[in-house]
């Protein structure tokens, strides 16, 4: 008697094809999820890297400045200017650098040039570098002695980033100078016995 070899039936073949299709679909979905996850991670790291690079640039601008630093805190987003800093991205030996937030998508900008004024004029020659967009917070705080700076930055719904720099001298604002002049002008003078004498009106314009 001859041995008869059993073959796959049509139903078994169809079942095998169906199972293989389900496995391939699962693998494709897993690969697609992994690809999207990698893309999201790459974008997150790229934005974080750009933000960290921006913080590092601002830190170096402040660190290499000659302490002639001014802060404008009159608006929602603060503005900080270093009149002379040795940290230049464009090969200048000394540069004037301003960090501010523009109204265009709340973009944090770094403006580098020499002896320019804000707002910029048509003949102003400066280099403008966008750092990050969708800025929600950009504040620069100084301590009472005006030798420390705290910078806060938040953008695009991310956690607040901050850093502090010490041993910097911050220029007094016009409002602070005006307040000091008013305090000196209204000060009481003591006589030889230590008692308050008549208020002496002082010409504060000659004090500075």
Protein backbone atom coordinates (compact mmCIF):
# COMPACT_ATOMS: atom_id res chain seq x y z
CA UNK A 1 0.00 0.00 0.00
CA UNK A 2 1.22 3.48 -0.82
CA UNK A 3 1.37 6.06 1.99
CA UNK A 4 -0.86 9.01 1.21
CA UNK A 5 0.60 12.43 2.27
CA UNK A 6 -2.02 14.69 3.74
CA UNK A 7 -2.06 18.25 2.29
CA UNK A 8 -3.40 21.49 3.78
CA UNK A 9 -7.00 22.11 3.09
CA UNK A 10 -8.22 25.37 1.64
CA UNK A 11 -9.78 26.36 4.95
CA UNK A 12 -6.47 25.88 6.80
CA UNK A 13 -4.66 27.99 4.25
CA UNK A 14 -7.22 30.80 4.60
CA UNK A 15 -6.98 30.66 8.37
CA UNK A 16 -3.18 30.86 8.19
CA UNK A 17 -3.33 33.85 5.87
CA UNK A 18 -5.81 35.60 8.16
CA UNK A 19 -3.65 35.03 11.23
CA UNK A 20 -0.54 36.24 9.39
CA UNK A 21 -2.40 39.36 8.30
CA UNK A 22 -3.40 40.10 11.91
CA UNK A 23 0.19 39.68 13.09
CA UNK A 24 1.50 41.97 10.34
CA UNK A 25 -1.12 44.60 11.18
CA UNK A 26 -0.11 44.50 14.85
CA UNK A 27 3.55 44.84 13.92
CA UNK A 28 2.78 47.79 11.63
CA UNK A 29 0.83 49.56 14.36
CA UNK A 30 3.62 48.97 16.85
CA UNK A 31 6.17 50.33 14.39
CA UNK A 32 4.00 53.36 13.65
CA UNK A 33 3.55 54.10 17.38
CA UNK A 34 7.31 53.75 17.91
CA UNK A 35 8.01 56.07 14.97
CA UNK A 36 5.62 58.73 16.30
CA UNK A 37 7.07 58.40 19.78
CA UNK A 38 10.59 58.84 18.46
CA UNK A 39 9.52 61.87 16.42
CA UNK A 40 7.85 63.45 19.46
CA UNK A 41 10.93 62.74 21.59
CA UNK A 42 13.20 64.25 18.94
CA UNK A 43 11.10 67.41 18.73
CA UNK A 44 11.04 67.72 22.51
CA UNK A 45 14.79 67.29 22.80
CA UNK A 46 15.38 69.73 19.95
CA UNK A 47 13.23 72.42 21.61
CA UNK A 48 14.83 71.77 25.00
CA UNK A 49 18.28 71.91 23.45
CA UNK A 50 17.44 75.20 21.72
CA UNK A 51 16.09 76.65 24.95
CA UNK A 52 19.13 75.53 26.95
CA UNK A 53 21.39 76.99 24.29
CA UNK A 54 19.49 80.28 24.59
CA UNK A 55 19.90 80.30 28.38
CA UNK A 56 23.59 79.55 27.98
CA UNK A 57 23.98 82.42 25.50
CA UNK A 58 22.22 84.88 27.83
CA UNK A 59 24.37 83.69 30.73
CA UNK A 60 27.57 84.26 28.74
CA UNK A 61 26.33 87.68 27.59
CA UNK A 62 25.89 88.67 31.24
CA UNK A 63 29.06 87.01 32.47
CA UNK A 64 31.29 88.81 29.96
CA UNK A 65 29.59 92.21 30.25
CA UNK A 66 31.25 95.24 31.79
CA UNK A 67 28.47 95.52 34.41
CA UNK A 68 26.70 98.31 32.53
CA UNK A 69 23.43 96.38 32.59
CA UNK A 70 19.99 97.96 32.41
CA UNK A 71 16.58 96.35 32.92
CA UNK A 72 13.27 97.59 31.59
CA UNK A 73 10.44 96.05 33.63
CA UNK A 74 7.68 98.43 32.59
CA UNK A 75 5.94 95.90 30.32
CA UNK A 76 4.60 92.38 30.73
CA UNK A 77 7.86 90.91 29.43
CA UNK A 78 11.06 92.39 30.77
CA UNK A 79 13.92 93.66 28.64
CA UNK A 80 17.59 93.47 29.55
CA UNK A 81 20.43 95.31 27.83
CA UNK A 82 24.19 94.91 28.18
CA UNK A 83 25.86 98.03 26.79
CA UNK A 84 29.20 96.27 26.39
CA UNK A 85 29.82 92.55 26.45
CA UNK A 86 32.76 90.55 25.19
CA UNK A 87 30.48 87.67 24.23
CA UNK A 88 29.66 88.23 20.56
CA UNK A 89 28.15 85.72 18.14
CA UNK A 90 29.42 87.75 15.19
CA UNK A 91 33.08 88.35 15.96
CA UNK A 92 32.82 91.78 17.56
CA UNK A 93 35.36 92.64 20.25
CA UNK A 94 32.64 94.46 22.18
CA UNK A 95 28.92 94.36 21.46
CA UNK A 96 25.72 95.86 22.73
CA UNK A 97 23.22 93.07 23.35
CA UNK A 98 19.52 93.31 24.19
CA UNK A 99 17.14 90.48 25.05
CA UNK A 100 13.45 91.20 24.54
CA UNK A 101 10.16 89.56 23.58
CA UNK A 102 8.58 90.69 20.32
CA UNK A 103 4.85 90.77 19.69
CA UNK A 104 5.24 88.39 16.75
CA UNK A 105 4.23 85.06 18.34
CA UNK A 106 5.79 86.29 21.60
CA UNK A 107 9.25 85.42 20.31
CA UNK A 108 12.29 85.91 22.53
CA UNK A 109 14.90 87.80 20.52
CA UNK A 110 18.59 88.48 20.98
CA UNK A 111 19.65 91.75 19.35
CA UNK A 112 23.39 92.33 18.85
CA UNK A 113 24.96 95.46 17.45
CA UNK A 114 26.87 98.58 18.42
CA UNK A 115 25.48 101.83 19.84
CA UNK A 116 21.92 101.25 18.64
CA UNK A 117 18.70 102.46 20.19
CA UNK A 118 15.31 100.80 20.58
CA UNK A 119 13.01 100.91 18.76
CA UNK A 120 15.37 100.27 15.88
CA UNK A 121 15.73 102.79 13.11
CA UNK A 122 16.07 102.04 9.41
CA UNK A 123 19.79 102.76 9.46
CA UNK A 124 20.45 100.56 12.52
CA UNK A 125 22.85 97.73 11.77
CA UNK A 126 22.11 94.84 14.11
CA UNK A 127 21.86 91.06 14.08
CA UNK A 128 18.58 89.62 15.41
CA UNK A 129 18.41 85.98 16.50
CA UNK A 130 15.09 84.37 17.48
CA UNK A 131 15.56 82.09 20.47
CA UNK A 132 12.13 80.60 21.30
CA UNK A 133 8.54 81.46 20.41
CA UNK A 134 5.27 81.41 22.36
CA UNK A 135 6.94 82.93 25.40
CA UNK A 136 4.65 83.10 28.44
CA UNK A 137 7.14 84.48 30.97
CA UNK A 138 10.38 86.43 30.68
CA UNK A 139 11.31 88.26 33.86
CA UNK A 140 14.60 89.63 35.14
CA UNK A 141 14.80 90.37 38.87
CA UNK A 142 17.59 92.07 40.83
CA UNK A 143 18.31 91.96 44.54
CA UNK A 144 18.43 95.01 46.82
CA UNK A 145 22.20 95.37 46.49
CA UNK A 146 21.86 95.18 42.70
CA UNK A 147 24.66 92.64 42.34
CA UNK A 148 22.59 89.54 41.56
CA UNK A 149 20.20 88.74 38.73
CA UNK A 150 17.49 86.07 38.56
CA UNK A 151 16.16 85.25 35.08
CA UNK A 152 12.87 83.36 34.61
CA UNK A 153 11.77 81.96 31.25
CA UNK A 154 8.67 79.96 30.31
CA UNK A 155 7.40 79.18 26.84
CA UNK A 156 4.92 76.93 25.06
CA UNK A 157 3.39 75.55 28.26
CA UNK A 158 6.68 74.14 29.54
CA UNK A 159 7.96 74.36 33.12
CA UNK A 160 9.62 77.60 34.17
CA UNK A 161 13.36 77.70 33.55
CA UNK A 162 15.55 79.87 35.74
CA UNK A 163 19.13 80.71 36.51
CA UNK A 164 20.96 83.23 38.68
CA UNK A 165 24.14 85.19 38.06
CA UNK A 166 26.07 87.02 40.76
CA UNK A 167 28.59 89.84 41.07
CA UNK A 168 26.96 91.95 38.36
CA UNK A 169 26.24 95.66 38.68
CA UNK A 170 22.83 96.75 37.43
CA UNK A 171 22.29 100.34 36.39
CA UNK A 172 19.58 102.21 38.25
CA UNK A 173 16.45 103.04 36.33
CA UNK A 174 15.24 106.63 35.86
CA UNK A 175 12.42 105.94 38.31
CA UNK A 176 14.85 104.71 40.98
CA UNK A 177 17.07 107.76 40.53
CA UNK A 178 14.05 110.04 40.77
CA UNK A 179 12.92 108.29 43.96
CA UNK A 180 16.38 108.63 45.50
CA UNK A 181 16.48 112.34 44.70
CA UNK A 182 13.07 112.76 46.31
CA UNK A 183 14.21 110.90 49.45
CA UNK A 184 17.32 113.05 49.78
CA UNK A 185 15.37 116.25 49.17
CA UNK A 186 12.88 115.39 51.91
CA UNK A 187 15.46 114.17 54.43
CA UNK A 188 15.70 115.73 57.89
CA UNK A 189 19.03 117.01 59.13
CA UNK A 190 20.18 116.73 62.74
CA UNK A 191 21.77 119.53 64.70
CA UNK A 192 24.78 119.14 66.98
CA UNK A 193 22.57 117.85 69.82
CA UNK A 194 21.12 115.12 67.64
CA UNK A 195 17.72 116.72 67.37
CA UNK A 196 15.99 117.16 64.01
CA UNK A 197 16.63 120.65 62.71
CA UNK A 198 14.48 122.54 60.28
CA UNK A 199 14.10 120.72 57.01
CA UNK A 200 16.77 121.95 54.67
CA UNK A 201 15.73 122.07 51.06
CA UNK A 202 18.39 120.45 48.96
CA UNK A 203 19.02 120.91 45.28
CA UNK A 204 19.02 117.26 44.29
CA UNK A 205 20.16 118.01 40.76
CA UNK A 206 23.63 118.72 42.08
CA UNK A 207 23.98 115.41 43.87
CA UNK A 208 24.48 113.25 40.82
